[in-house]
Amino acid sequence: MSRTGVAIVGLSAVGREAARTLLERDRRSVTAAVDRDPALAGRDLGDLLGAGHLGVPISGDLAAAAGSRTALVATTSALAELEPIVTALAANGVHVVSICEELSFPWGAHPELSRRIDQVAREHGTVVLGTGANPGMLMEVIPTVLSSLVPTVEGVVVQRTAEMADYGGILHKFGFGLTPDEFVSAVAAGNLPGHFGFAETIGSLSYALGLELDSIDVGLPEIAVVAERERIGAHARIEAGTVAGITHSARGSHRDNVVIELSIHFGFRPDLDAVELGDRWTLRTPDGDISASAPAGFASAPATVAVACNVVDEAATLAPGLRTMLDLPVRSLAAKGRGRTRAAVR
């Protein structure tokens, strides 16, 4: 079977924006669309996106993606929920690129699921790749690339501010819109996971930089901001007196010494708050700290869409199996300008 194009699996806010981005590059690039919402079944993808009729009907059946070369999956943050989708696609000869955070570097936290996904992909000659802004580019690839400028790295610190007002369905896992009492109760009950992917990021950095670890500790989400007035985002609104910002952090240690430190402030319009915006990377070296920063930071949703769309065609060039962003050549990560052609590789 000759396979072409990308199937969009999951038409949440990120899935829809990914489809728009790919269609803006080439209206023939998206060849299938899958979502389990019955209200979307049978609708034309282009009509849903306001992009004009495409002749790509939305299906509730994953089999609709079988004719595509690659599936861009934006359905869940949990690998256990993603695994049956990924293995079904891979077994049907479809490469998979997913923004599932726990797929970014899953061997440490999910060894059995990782082994199963890798085995299915290898057996059917397909690639499964976890991608995104974070985990993915911002907390793994950028520190790894920066490390090429020094002989030795002894530790890594990454601090981020994430704008969440562009997101929709995932906001509940951070506790946005809850009263402070509701937030505290939800955390105590284990119902607010916060950021997925800290353990994966720490594992990835440890692997890439050769940093020995004997423990990984992921903290609990904490309230950082309570909204003084209503805040309105692209897909949700936050009422006055409810949570509009949280902090979440994690660390990897060796012999009681912290080696990797990660911290993210998740804000619903953080520009309204007394928080330091932007992203900062620090490499600890024998000769002192090396730091880099992006003062304006990167809006999480658009950055996630950009990364996924930039690598979705490149993933298929990797060897079959479960792969990570660290396996991609640097040029494969690049934005795709109008003059960029795959045939121009030199």
C-alpha atoms as a PDB file:
ATOM      1  CA  MET A   1       0.000   0.000   0.000  1.00  0.00           C
ATOM      2  CA  SER A   2       1.265   3.461  -0.922  1.00  0.00           C
ATOM      3  CA  ARG A   3       0.784   5.698   2.101  1.00  0.00           C
ATOM      4  CA  THR A   4       0.764   9.474   2.050  1.00  0.00           C
ATOM      5  CA  GLY A   5      -0.056  12.325   4.357  1.00  0.00           C
ATOM      6  CA  VAL A   6      -0.834  12.735   8.029  1.00  0.00           C
ATOM      7  CA  ALA A   7      -3.798  11.465  10.011  1.00  0.00           C
ATOM      8  CA  ILE A   8      -4.839  13.707  12.905  1.00  0.00           C
ATOM      9  CA  VAL A   9      -5.957  11.513  15.805  1.00  0.00           C
ATOM     10  CA  GLY A  10      -7.627  13.616  18.491  1.00  0.00           C
ATOM     11  CA  LEU A  11      -9.290  16.904  17.600  1.00  0.00           C
ATOM     12  CA  SER A  12      -8.896  18.764  20.859  1.00  0.00           C
ATOM     13  CA  ALA A  13      -7.489  22.300  20.817  1.00  0.00           C
ATOM     14  CA  VAL A  14      -3.946  21.131  20.023  1.00  0.00           C
ATOM     15  CA  GLY A  15      -5.067  18.575  17.445  1.00  0.00           C
ATOM     16  CA  ARG A  16      -7.111  21.169  15.587  1.00  0.00           C
ATOM     17  CA  GLU A  17      -4.281  23.704  15.572  1.00  0.00           C
ATOM     18  CA  ALA A  18      -1.877  21.046  14.307  1.00  0.00           C
ATOM     19  CA  ALA A  19      -4.275  20.267  11.468  1.00  0.00           C
ATOM     20  CA  ARG A  20      -4.541  23.975  10.597  1.00  0.00           C
ATOM     21  CA  THR A  21      -0.762  24.353  10.589  1.00  0.00           C
ATOM     22  CA  LEU A  22      -0.232  21.381   8.294  1.00  0.00           C
ATOM     23  CA  LEU A  23      -3.018  22.476   5.951  1.00  0.00           C
ATOM     24  CA  GLU A  24      -1.552  25.969   5.687  1.00  0.00           C
ATOM     25  CA  ARG A  25       1.635  24.360   4.415  1.00  0.00           C
ATOM     26  CA  ASP A  26      -0.109  21.994   2.025  1.00  0.00           C
ATOM     27  CA  ARG A  27      -3.863  21.424   1.739  1.00  0.00           C
ATOM     28  CA  ARG A  28      -3.173  17.828   0.698  1.00  0.00           C
ATOM     29  CA  SER A  29      -1.071  17.032   3.755  1.00  0.00           C
ATOM     30  CA  VAL A  30      -3.882  15.852   6.069  1.00  0.00           C
ATOM     31  CA  THR A  31      -5.401  12.651   4.738  1.00  0.00           C
ATOM     32  CA  ALA A  32      -7.524  11.463   7.682  1.00  0.00           C
ATOM     33  CA  ALA A  33      -9.056  12.714  10.921  1.00  0.00           C
ATOM     34  CA  VAL A  34     -10.140  10.617  13.902  1.00  0.00           C
ATOM     35  CA  ASP A  35     -11.942  11.638  17.087  1.00  0.00           C
ATOM     36  CA  ARG A  36     -14.199   9.684  19.430  1.00  0.00           C
ATOM     37  CA  ASP A  37     -16.672  12.558  19.911  1.00  0.00           C
ATOM     38  CA  PRO A  38     -19.925  11.378  18.259  1.00  0.00           C
ATOM     39  CA  ALA A  39     -20.862  14.987  17.518  1.00  0.00           C
ATOM     40  CA  LEU A  40     -17.931  15.227  15.100  1.00  0.00           C
ATOM     41  CA  ALA A  41     -18.565  11.974  13.228  1.00  0.00           C
ATOM     42  CA  GLY A  42     -19.019  12.496   9.509  1.00  0.00           C
ATOM     43  CA  ARG A  43     -18.182  16.201   9.540  1.00  0.00           C
ATOM     44  CA  ASP A  44     -15.601  17.425   7.074  1.00  0.00           C
ATOM     45  CA  LEU A  45     -12.334  18.373   8.780  1.00  0.00           C
ATOM     46  CA  GLY A  46     -11.940  21.530   6.741  1.00  0.00           C
ATOM     47  CA  ASP A  47     -15.437  22.680   7.594  1.00  0.00           C
ATOM     48  CA  LEU A  48     -14.765  22.076  11.302  1.00  0.00           C
ATOM     49  CA  LEU A  49     -11.592  24.149  11.136  1.00  0.00           C
ATOM     50  CA  GLY A  50     -13.117  26.910   9.036  1.00  0.00           C
ATOM     51  CA  ALA A  51     -10.569  26.104   6.343  1.00  0.00           C
ATOM     52  CA  GLY A  52     -12.974  25.250   3.547  1.00  0.00           C
ATOM     53  CA  HIS A  53     -14.176  21.832   2.443  1.00  0.00           C
ATOM     54  CA  LEU A  54     -11.353  19.262   2.255  1.00  0.00           C
ATOM     55  CA  GLY A  55     -13.111  16.002   1.539  1.00  0.00           C
ATOM     56  CA  VAL A  56     -11.634  14.522   4.737  1.00  0.00           C
ATOM     57  CA  PRO A  57     -14.486  13.173   6.887  1.00  0.00           C
ATOM     58  CA  ILE A  58     -13.958  12.857  10.639  1.00  0.00           C
ATOM     59  CA  SER A  59     -14.280   9.264  11.822  1.00  0.00           C
ATOM     60  CA  GLY A  60     -14.656   7.695  15.231  1.00  0.00           C
ATOM     61  CA  ASP A  61     -12.827   4.603  13.972  1.00  0.00           C
ATOM     62  CA  LEU A  62      -9.035   4.476  14.233  1.00  0.00           C
ATOM     63  CA  ALA A  63      -9.008   2.338  11.086  1.00  0.00           C
ATOM     64  CA  ALA A  64      -9.629   5.532   9.113  1.00  0.00           C
ATOM     65  CA  ALA A  65      -5.968   6.423   9.694  1.00  0.00           C
ATOM     66  CA  ALA A  66      -4.666   3.209   8.142  1.00  0.00           C
ATOM     67  CA  GLY A  67      -3.996   4.724   4.718  1.00  0.00           C
ATOM     68  CA  SER A  68      -1.867   7.578   6.033  1.00  0.00           C
ATOM     69  CA  ARG A  69       1.910   7.528   6.279  1.00  0.00           C
ATOM     70  CA  THR A  70       2.026   9.056   9.767  1.00  0.00           C
ATOM     71  CA  ALA A  71      -0.486   9.708  12.539  1.00  0.00           C
ATOM     72  CA  LEU A  72      -0.183  12.787  14.732  1.00  0.00           C
ATOM     73  CA  VAL A  73      -1.856  11.704  17.968  1.00  0.00           C
ATOM     74  CA  ALA A  74      -3.132  14.301  20.453  1.00  0.00           C
ATOM     75  CA  THR A  75      -5.449  12.405  22.772  1.00  0.00           C
ATOM     76  CA  THR A  76      -4.011  11.902  26.266  1.00  0.00           C
ATOM     77  CA  SER A  77      -1.070  12.603  28.575  1.00  0.00           C
ATOM     78  CA  ALA A  78      -1.124   9.074  30.037  1.00  0.00           C
ATOM     79  CA  LEU A  79       0.884   6.361  28.299  1.00  0.00           C
ATOM     80  CA  ALA A  80      -1.393   3.580  29.569  1.00  0.00           C
ATOM     81  CA  GLU A  81      -4.301   5.207  27.719  1.00  0.00           C
ATOM     82  CA  LEU A  82      -2.221   5.909  24.624  1.00  0.00           C
ATOM     83  CA  GLU A  83      -0.622   2.474  24.245  1.00  0.00           C
ATOM     84  CA  PRO A  84      -3.544   0.683  22.533  1.00  0.00           C
ATOM     85  CA  ILE A  85      -3.884   3.544  20.045  1.00  0.00           C
ATOM     86  CA  VAL A  86      -0.175   3.584  19.264  1.00  0.00           C
ATOM     87  CA  THR A  87       0.200  -0.167  18.911  1.00  0.00           C
ATOM     88  CA  ALA A  88      -2.883  -0.425  16.683  1.00  0.00           C
ATOM     89  CA  LEU A  89      -1.540   2.255  14.353  1.00  0.00           C
ATOM     90  CA  ALA A  90       2.003   0.868  14.327  1.00  0.00           C
ATOM     91  CA  ALA A  91       0.742  -2.654  13.660  1.00  0.00           C
ATOM     92  CA  ASN A  92      -1.091  -1.291  10.610  1.00  0.00           C
ATOM     93  CA  GLY A  93       2.091   0.216   9.203  1.00  0.00           C
ATOM     94  CA  VAL A  94       1.439   3.803  10.301  1.00  0.00           C
ATOM     95  CA  HIS A  95       4.240   5.822  11.885  1.00  0.00           C
ATOM     96  CA  VAL A  96       3.162   7.615  15.070  1.00  0.00           C
ATOM     97  CA  VAL A  97       4.104  11.029  16.427  1.00  0.00           C
ATOM     98  CA  SER A  98       2.354  11.883  19.689  1.00  0.00           C
ATOM     99  CA  ILE A  99       2.366  14.812  22.106  1.00  0.00           C
ATOM    100  CA  CYS A 100       1.669  12.425  25.013  1.00  0.00           C
ATOM    101  CA  GLU A 101       4.095  13.625  27.682  1.00  0.00           C
ATOM    102  CA  GLU A 102       4.731  10.159  29.099  1.00  0.00           C
ATOM    103  CA  LEU A 103       5.827   8.911  25.662  1.00  0.00           C
ATOM    104  CA  SER A 104       8.734  11.364  25.504  1.00  0.00           C
ATOM    105  CA  PHE A 105      11.179   9.054  27.346  1.00  0.00           C
ATOM    106  CA  PRO A 106       9.076   6.271  28.850  1.00  0.00           C
ATOM    107  CA  TRP A 107      11.505   3.464  29.678  1.00  0.00           C
ATOM    108  CA  GLY A 108      12.098   4.405  33.298  1.00  0.00           C
ATOM    109  CA  ALA A 109       8.525   4.927  34.475  1.00  0.00           C
ATOM    110  CA  HIS A 110       6.786   2.527  32.075  1.00  0.00           C
ATOM    111  CA  PRO A 111       9.224  -0.242  31.108  1.00  0.00           C
ATOM    112  CA  GLU A 112       6.632  -2.843  30.111  1.00  0.00           C
ATOM    113  CA  LEU A 113       4.550  -0.469  27.995  1.00  0.00           C
ATOM    114  CA  SER A 114       7.744   0.839  26.388  1.00  0.00           C
ATOM    115  CA  ARG A 115       8.922  -2.660  25.551  1.00  0.00           C
ATOM    116  CA  ARG A 116       5.562  -3.547  24.008  1.00  0.00           C
ATOM    117  CA  ILE A 117       5.366  -0.391  21.892  1.00  0.00           C
ATOM    118  CA  ASP A 118       8.966  -0.792  20.735  1.00  0.00           C
ATOM    119  CA  GLN A 119       8.420  -4.440  19.818  1.00  0.00           C
ATOM    120  CA  VAL A 120       5.276  -3.772  17.775  1.00  0.00           C
ATOM    121  CA  ALA A 121       6.907  -0.870  15.949  1.00  0.00           C
ATOM    122  CA  ARG A 122      10.025  -2.877  15.111  1.00  0.00           C
ATOM    123  CA  GLU A 123       8.018  -5.865  13.911  1.00  0.00           C
ATOM    124  CA  HIS A 124       6.005  -3.703  11.513  1.00  0.00           C
ATOM    125  CA  GLY A 125       8.762  -1.359  10.355  1.00  0.00           C
ATOM    126  CA  THR A 126       7.260   1.738  11.929  1.00  0.00           C
ATOM    127  CA  VAL A 127       8.493   4.554  14.161  1.00  0.00           C
ATOM    128  CA  VAL A 128       6.805   5.760  17.350  1.00  0.00           C
ATOM    129  CA  LEU A 129       8.003   9.155  18.573  1.00  0.00           C
ATOM    130  CA  GLY A 130       6.991  11.242  21.573  1.00  0.00           C
ATOM    131  CA  THR A 131       7.325  14.944  20.909  1.00  0.00           C
ATOM    132  CA  GLY A 132       6.238  18.375  22.052  1.00  0.00           C
ATOM    133  CA  ALA A 133       7.537  21.603  23.508  1.00  0.00           C
ATOM    134  CA  ASN A 134       7.703  20.301  27.052  1.00  0.00           C
ATOM    135  CA  PRO A 135       8.617  17.487  27.406  1.00  0.00           C
ATOM    136  CA  GLY A 136      10.519  17.558  24.153  1.00  0.00           C
ATOM    137  CA  MET A 137      12.318  20.622  22.906  1.00  0.00           C
ATOM    138  CA  LEU A 138      12.439  22.985  25.860  1.00  0.00           C
ATOM    139  CA  MET A 139      13.559  20.771  28.719  1.00  0.00           C
ATOM    140  CA  GLU A 140      15.469  18.046  26.874  1.00  0.00           C
ATOM    141  CA  VAL A 141      16.721  19.026  23.430  1.00  0.00           C
ATOM    142  CA  ILE A 142      17.749  22.614  24.199  1.00  0.00           C
ATOM    143  CA  PRO A 143      19.856  21.719  27.290  1.00  0.00           C
ATOM    144  CA  THR A 144      21.402  18.836  25.364  1.00  0.00           C
ATOM    145  CA  VAL A 145      22.353  21.052  22.420  1.00  0.00           C
ATOM    146  CA  LEU A 146      23.716  23.747  24.755  1.00  0.00           C
ATOM    147  CA  SER A 147      25.900  21.123  26.419  1.00  0.00           C
ATOM    148  CA  SER A 148      27.817  20.659  23.159  1.00  0.00           C
ATOM    149  CA  LEU A 149      29.576  23.955  23.944  1.00  0.00           C
ATOM    150  CA  VAL A 150      31.269  22.670  27.117  1.00  0.00           C
ATOM    151  CA  PRO A 151      33.410  19.591  27.826  1.00  0.00           C
ATOM    152  CA  THR A 152      31.511  18.378  30.890  1.00  0.00           C
ATOM    153  CA  VAL A 153      28.138  19.006  32.504  1.00  0.00           C
ATOM    154  CA  GLU A 154      27.627  18.206  36.181  1.00  0.00           C
ATOM    155  CA  GLY A 155      24.041  19.409  36.565  1.00  0.00           C
ATOM    156  CA  VAL A 156      21.092  21.063  34.849  1.00  0.00           C
ATOM    157  CA  VAL A 157      18.507  23.596  36.025  1.00  0.00           C
ATOM    158  CA  VAL A 158      15.495  24.468  33.857  1.00  0.00           C
ATOM    159  CA  GLN A 159      12.864  27.015  34.868  1.00  0.00           C
ATOM    160  CA  ARG A 160       9.823  27.731  32.713  1.00  0.00           C
ATOM    161  CA  THR A 161       6.729  29.891  32.679  1.00  0.00           C
ATOM    162  CA  ALA A 162       3.940  28.265  30.666  1.00  0.00           C
ATOM    163  CA  GLU A 163       0.959  30.194  29.292  1.00  0.00           C
ATOM    164  CA  MET A 164      -2.092  27.946  29.582  1.00  0.00           C
ATOM    165  CA  ALA A 165      -4.866  30.238  28.337  1.00  0.00           C
ATOM    166  CA  ASP A 166      -4.710  28.683  24.856  1.00  0.00           C
ATOM    167  CA  TYR A 167      -5.546  25.203  26.150  1.00  0.00           C
ATOM    168  CA  GLY A 168      -8.929  23.622  26.713  1.00  0.00           C
ATOM    169  CA  GLY A 169      -9.572  20.108  27.998  1.00  0.00           C
ATOM    170  CA  ILE A 170      -6.284  19.590  29.843  1.00  0.00           C
ATOM    171  CA  LEU A 171      -6.794  22.538  32.211  1.00  0.00           C
ATOM    172  CA  HIS A 172      -8.620  20.365  34.744  1.00  0.00           C
ATOM    173  CA  LYS A 173      -5.492  18.341  35.556  1.00  0.00           C
ATOM    174  CA  PHE A 174      -3.803  21.532  36.779  1.00  0.00           C
ATOM    175  CA  GLY A 175      -6.687  22.711  38.953  1.00  0.00           C
ATOM    176  CA  PHE A 176      -7.379  25.949  37.120  1.00  0.00           C
ATOM    177  CA  GLY A 177     -10.730  27.405  38.131  1.00  0.00           C
ATOM    178  CA  LEU A 178     -10.909  25.618  41.491  1.00  0.00           C
ATOM    179  CA  THR A 179     -11.210  27.514  44.750  1.00  0.00           C
ATOM    180  CA  PRO A 180      -8.102  27.248  46.944  1.00  0.00           C
ATOM    181  CA  ASP A 181      -9.891  24.814  49.275  1.00  0.00           C
ATOM    182  CA  GLU A 182     -11.030  22.675  46.341  1.00  0.00           C
ATOM    183  CA  PHE A 183      -7.481  22.678  44.981  1.00  0.00           C
ATOM    184  CA  VAL A 184      -5.932  21.544  48.265  1.00  0.00           C
ATOM    185  CA  SER A 185      -8.532  18.787  48.630  1.00  0.00           C
ATOM    186  CA  ALA A 186      -8.007  17.594  45.054  1.00  0.00           C
ATOM    187  CA  VAL A 187      -4.233  17.413  45.517  1.00  0.00           C
ATOM    188  CA  ALA A 188      -4.643  15.494  48.780  1.00  0.00           C
ATOM    189  CA  ALA A 189      -6.989  13.043  47.053  1.00  0.00           C
ATOM    190  CA  GLY A 190      -4.527  12.480  44.202  1.00  0.00           C
ATOM    191  CA  ASN A 191      -6.862  13.996  41.628  1.00  0.00           C
ATOM    192  CA  LEU A 192      -4.574  16.799  40.433  1.00  0.00           C
ATOM    193  CA  PRO A 193      -1.531  15.352  38.658  1.00  0.00           C
ATOM    194  CA  GLY A 194      -0.306  18.685  37.357  1.00  0.00           C
ATOM    195  CA  HIS A 195       2.452  18.373  34.783  1.00  0.00           C
ATOM    196  CA  PHE A 196       2.943  15.000  33.149  1.00  0.00           C
ATOM    197  CA  GLY A 197       6.483  14.257  32.014  1.00  0.00           C
ATOM    198  CA  PHE A 198       8.865  15.430  34.744  1.00  0.00           C
ATOM    199  CA  ALA A 199      10.223  11.929  35.342  1.00  0.00           C
ATOM    200  CA  GLU A 200      10.595  11.421  31.592  1.00  0.00           C
ATOM    201  CA  THR A 201      12.494  14.695  31.185  1.00  0.00           C
ATOM    202  CA  ILE A 202      14.868  13.867  34.029  1.00  0.00           C
ATOM    203  CA  GLY A 203      15.459  10.398  32.591  1.00  0.00           C
ATOM    204  CA  SER A 204      16.123  11.864  29.161  1.00  0.00           C
ATOM    205  CA  LEU A 205      18.626  14.424  30.455  1.00  0.00           C
ATOM    206  CA  SER A 206      20.363  11.805  32.574  1.00  0.00           C
ATOM    207  CA  TYR A 207      20.701   9.563  29.517  1.00  0.00           C
ATOM    208  CA  ALA A 208      21.793  12.312  27.123  1.00  0.00           C
ATOM    209  CA  LEU A 209      24.325  13.983  29.412  1.00  0.00           C
ATOM    210  CA  GLY A 210      25.589  10.929  31.275  1.00  0.00           C
ATOM    211  CA  LEU A 211      24.413  12.226  34.651  1.00  0.00           C
ATOM    212  CA  GLU A 212      24.204   9.523  37.311  1.00  0.00           C
ATOM    213  CA  LEU A 213      21.010   9.497  39.377  1.00  0.00           C
ATOM    214  CA  ASP A 214      19.736   7.299  42.167  1.00  0.00           C
ATOM    215  CA  SER A 215      16.412   9.051  42.780  1.00  0.00           C
ATOM    216  CA  ILE A 216      13.779  11.096  40.981  1.00  0.00           C
ATOM    217  CA  ASP A 217      11.358  13.119  43.095  1.00  0.00           C
ATOM    218  CA  VAL A 218       8.308  14.801  41.572  1.00  0.00           C
ATOM    219  CA  GLY A 219       6.627  17.291  43.878  1.00  0.00           C
ATOM    220  CA  LEU A 220       2.939  18.104  44.224  1.00  0.00           C
ATOM    221  CA  PRO A 221       1.322  21.027  42.387  1.00  0.00           C
ATOM    222  CA  GLU A 222       1.099  24.166  44.521  1.00  0.00           C
ATOM    223  CA  ILE A 223      -1.098  27.246  44.229  1.00  0.00           C
ATOM    224  CA  ALA A 224       0.839  30.245  42.938  1.00  0.00           C
ATOM    225  CA  VAL A 225      -1.906  32.686  41.920  1.00  0.00           C
ATOM    226  CA  VAL A 226      -5.569  33.215  42.805  1.00  0.00           C
ATOM    227  CA  ALA A 227      -7.343  35.411  40.258  1.00  0.00           C
ATOM    228  CA  GLU A 228      -8.533  38.775  41.543  1.00  0.00           C
ATOM    229  CA  ARG A 229     -10.888  39.148  38.580  1.00  0.00           C
ATOM    230  CA  GLU A 230     -12.246  36.982  35.771  1.00  0.00           C
ATOM    231  CA  ARG A 231      -9.775  35.825  33.125  1.00  0.00           C
ATOM    232  CA  ILE A 232     -10.831  34.683  29.665  1.00  0.00           C
ATOM    233  CA  GLY A 233      -8.830  32.300  27.486  1.00  0.00           C
ATOM    234  CA  ALA A 234      -9.301  30.719  24.092  1.00  0.00           C
ATOM    235  CA  HIS A 235     -11.397  27.803  25.365  1.00  0.00           C
ATOM    236  CA  ALA A 236     -12.125  28.511  29.040  1.00  0.00           C
ATOM    237  CA  ARG A 237     -12.560  31.231  31.625  1.00  0.00           C
ATOM    238  CA  ILE A 238     -11.287  31.535  35.185  1.00  0.00           C
ATOM    239  CA  GLU A 239     -13.575  33.136  37.753  1.00  0.00           C
ATOM    240  CA  ALA A 240     -12.366  35.626  40.359  1.00  0.00           C
ATOM    241  CA  GLY A 241     -11.298  33.904  43.570  1.00  0.00           C
ATOM    242  CA  THR A 242     -10.191  30.704  41.844  1.00  0.00           C
ATOM    243  CA  VAL A 243      -6.789  29.274  40.953  1.00  0.00           C
ATOM    244  CA  ALA A 244      -5.153  30.987  37.966  1.00  0.00           C
ATOM    245  CA  GLY A 245      -1.572  29.825  38.435  1.00  0.00           C
ATOM    246  CA  ILE A 246       0.313  26.869  39.897  1.00  0.00           C
ATOM    247  CA  THR A 247       3.912  25.823  40.327  1.00  0.00           C
ATOM    248  CA  HIS A 248       5.174  22.285  39.885  1.00  0.00           C
ATOM    249  CA  SER A 249       8.726  21.016  40.219  1.00  0.00           C
ATOM    250  CA  ALA A 250      10.899  17.909  40.229  1.00  0.00           C
ATOM    251  CA  ARG A 251      14.487  16.929  40.865  1.00  0.00           C
ATOM    252  CA  GLY A 252      16.872  14.116  40.111  1.00  0.00           C
ATOM    253  CA  SER A 253      19.565  13.377  42.695  1.00  0.00           C
ATOM    254  CA  HIS A 254      22.698  11.310  43.169  1.00  0.00           C
ATOM    255  CA  ARG A 255      23.976  10.521  46.670  1.00  0.00           C
ATOM    256  CA  ASP A 256      21.733  13.234  48.124  1.00  0.00           C
ATOM    257  CA  ASN A 257      23.101  15.862  45.734  1.00  0.00           C
ATOM    258  CA  VAL A 258      20.555  17.462  43.400  1.00  0.00           C
ATOM    259  CA  VAL A 259      21.779  17.015  39.829  1.00  0.00           C
ATOM    260  CA  ILE A 260      18.742  17.993  37.747  1.00  0.00           C
ATOM    261  CA  GLU A 261      16.204  20.619  38.834  1.00  0.00           C
ATOM    262  CA  LEU A 262      13.035  21.374  36.875  1.00  0.00           C
ATOM    263  CA  SER A 263      10.414  23.960  37.741  1.00  0.00           C
ATOM    264  CA  ILE A 264       7.403  25.264  35.817  1.00  0.00           C
ATOM    265  CA  HIS A 265       4.977  28.051  36.619  1.00  0.00           C
ATOM    266  CA  PHE A 266       1.735  27.273  34.802  1.00  0.00           C
ATOM    267  CA  GLY A 267      -0.330  30.422  34.470  1.00  0.00           C
ATOM    268  CA  PHE A 268      -3.662  31.304  32.933  1.00  0.00           C
ATOM    269  CA  ARG A 269      -2.551  34.711  31.641  1.00  0.00           C
ATOM    270  CA  PRO A 270       0.683  34.844  33.687  1.00  0.00           C
ATOM    271  CA  ASP A 271       1.396  38.255  32.171  1.00  0.00           C
ATOM    272  CA  LEU A 272      -1.142  39.578  34.693  1.00  0.00           C
ATOM    273  CA  ASP A 273       0.763  38.212  37.684  1.00  0.00           C
ATOM    274  CA  ALA A 274       3.856  39.133  39.677  1.00  0.00           C
ATOM    275  CA  VAL A 275       5.886  36.245  38.275  1.00  0.00           C
ATOM    276  CA  GLU A 276       9.082  36.254  36.254  1.00  0.00           C
ATOM    277  CA  LEU A 277       8.126  35.375  32.706  1.00  0.00           C
ATOM    278  CA  GLY A 278      10.313  33.447  30.315  1.00  0.00           C
ATOM    279  CA  ASP A 279      12.376  30.284  30.191  1.00  0.00           C
ATOM    280  CA  ARG A 280      15.856  29.824  31.653  1.00  0.00           C
ATOM    281  CA  TRP A 281      18.439  27.071  31.257  1.00  0.00           C
ATOM    282  CA  THR A 282      21.523  26.648  33.447  1.00  0.00           C
ATOM    283  CA  LEU A 283      24.268  24.071  32.961  1.00  0.00           C
ATOM    284  CA  ARG A 284      26.486  23.377  35.973  1.00  0.00           C
ATOM    285  CA  THR A 285      30.060  22.797  34.815  1.00  0.00           C
ATOM    286  CA  PRO A 286      33.439  22.430  36.572  1.00  0.00           C
ATOM    287  CA  ASP A 287      34.312  25.915  35.296  1.00  0.00           C
ATOM    288  CA  GLY A 288      31.116  27.611  36.462  1.00  0.00           C
ATOM    289  CA  ASP A 289      27.525  27.950  35.361  1.00  0.00           C
ATOM    290  CA  ILE A 290      26.509  28.478  31.741  1.00  0.00           C
ATOM    291  CA  SER A 291      23.102  30.132  31.349  1.00  0.00           C
ATOM    292  CA  ALA A 292      20.727  30.933  28.514  1.00  0.00           C
ATOM    293  CA  SER A 293      17.286  32.465  28.554  1.00  0.00           C
ATOM    294  CA  ALA A 294      14.266  33.326  26.452  1.00  0.00           C
ATOM    295  CA  PRO A 295      12.843  36.375  28.277  1.00  0.00           C
ATOM    296  CA  ALA A 296       9.454  36.196  26.586  1.00  0.00           C
ATOM    297  CA  GLY A 297       9.326  32.414  26.879  1.00  0.00           C
ATOM    298  CA  PHE A 298       7.355  30.164  24.563  1.00  0.00           C
ATOM    299  CA  ALA A 299       3.580  29.884  24.681  1.00  0.00           C
ATOM    300  CA  SER A 300       3.046  26.203  25.402  1.00  0.00           C
ATOM    301  CA  ALA A 301       0.206  25.379  23.018  1.00  0.00           C
ATOM    302  CA  PRO A 302       1.586  27.088  19.877  1.00  0.00           C
ATOM    303  CA  ALA A 303       5.072  25.756  20.618  1.00  0.00           C
ATOM    304  CA  THR A 304       3.743  22.216  21.049  1.00  0.00           C
ATOM    305  CA  VAL A 305       1.886  22.467  17.743  1.00  0.00           C
ATOM    306  CA  ALA A 306       4.964  23.827  15.983  1.00  0.00           C
ATOM    307  CA  VAL A 307       7.291  21.106  17.243  1.00  0.00           C
ATOM    308  CA  ALA A 308       4.845  18.321  16.401  1.00  0.00           C
ATOM    309  CA  CYS A 309       4.242  19.649  12.894  1.00  0.00           C
ATOM    310  CA  ASN A 310       7.952  20.195  12.251  1.00  0.00           C
ATOM    311  CA  VAL A 311       8.891  16.611  13.100  1.00  0.00           C
ATOM    312  CA  VAL A 312       5.811  14.716  11.903  1.00  0.00           C
ATOM    313  CA  ASP A 313       7.316  13.962   8.485  1.00  0.00           C
ATOM    314  CA  GLU A 314      10.842  13.508   9.828  1.00  0.00           C
ATOM    315  CA  ALA A 315       9.984  10.714  12.255  1.00  0.00           C
ATOM    316  CA  ALA A 316       9.628   8.189   9.448  1.00  0.00           C
ATOM    317  CA  THR A 317      13.310   8.648   8.560  1.00  0.00           C
ATOM    318  CA  LEU A 318      14.407   7.059  11.853  1.00  0.00           C
ATOM    319  CA  ALA A 319      15.067   3.363  12.385  1.00  0.00           C
ATOM    320  CA  PRO A 320      11.886   1.444  13.327  1.00  0.00           C
ATOM    321  CA  GLY A 321      11.012   1.267  17.002  1.00  0.00           C
ATOM    322  CA  LEU A 322      10.232   3.554  19.922  1.00  0.00           C
ATOM    323  CA  ARG A 323      12.320   6.701  19.470  1.00  0.00           C
ATOM    324  CA  THR A 324      12.817  10.039  21.204  1.00  0.00           C
ATOM    325  CA  MET A 325      13.480  13.618  20.148  1.00  0.00           C
ATOM    326  CA  LEU A 326      17.149  13.030  20.955  1.00  0.00           C
ATOM    327  CA  ASP A 327      17.288  10.530  18.082  1.00  0.00           C
ATOM    328  CA  LEU A 328      16.406  13.149  15.454  1.00  0.00           C
ATOM    329  CA  PRO A 329      19.200  14.991  13.605  1.00  0.00           C
ATOM    330  CA  VAL A 330      19.256  18.707  14.421  1.00  0.00           C
ATOM    331  CA  ARG A 331      18.087  19.709  10.947  1.00  0.00           C
ATOM    332  CA  SER A 332      15.021  17.498  11.320  1.00  0.00           C
ATOM    333  CA  LEU A 333      13.868  19.672  14.222  1.00  0.00           C
ATOM    334  CA  ALA A 334      13.972  22.876  12.220  1.00  0.00           C
ATOM    335  CA  ALA A 335      11.002  25.016  11.208  1.00  0.00           C
ATOM    336  CA  LYS A 336       9.905  24.282   7.667  1.00  0.00           C
ATOM    337  CA  GLY A 337      10.393  27.377   5.514  1.00  0.00           C
ATOM    338  CA  ARG A 338       8.851  27.697   2.072  1.00  0.00           C
ATOM    339  CA  GLY A 339      12.144  26.939   0.381  1.00  0.00           C
ATOM    340  CA  ARG A 340      12.777  23.818   2.417  1.00  0.00           C
ATOM    341  CA  THR A 341      12.657  20.591   0.402  1.00  0.00           C
ATOM    342  CA  ARG A 342      13.567  17.125   1.508  1.00  0.00           C
ATOM    343  CA  ALA A 343      15.500  16.639  -1.739  1.00  0.00           C
ATOM    344  CA  ALA A 344      17.860  19.477  -0.824  1.00  0.00           C
ATOM    345  CA  VAL A 345      19.746  17.476   1.814  1.00  0.00           C
ATOM    346  CA  ARG A 346      23.492  17.797   1.214  1.00  0.00           C
END
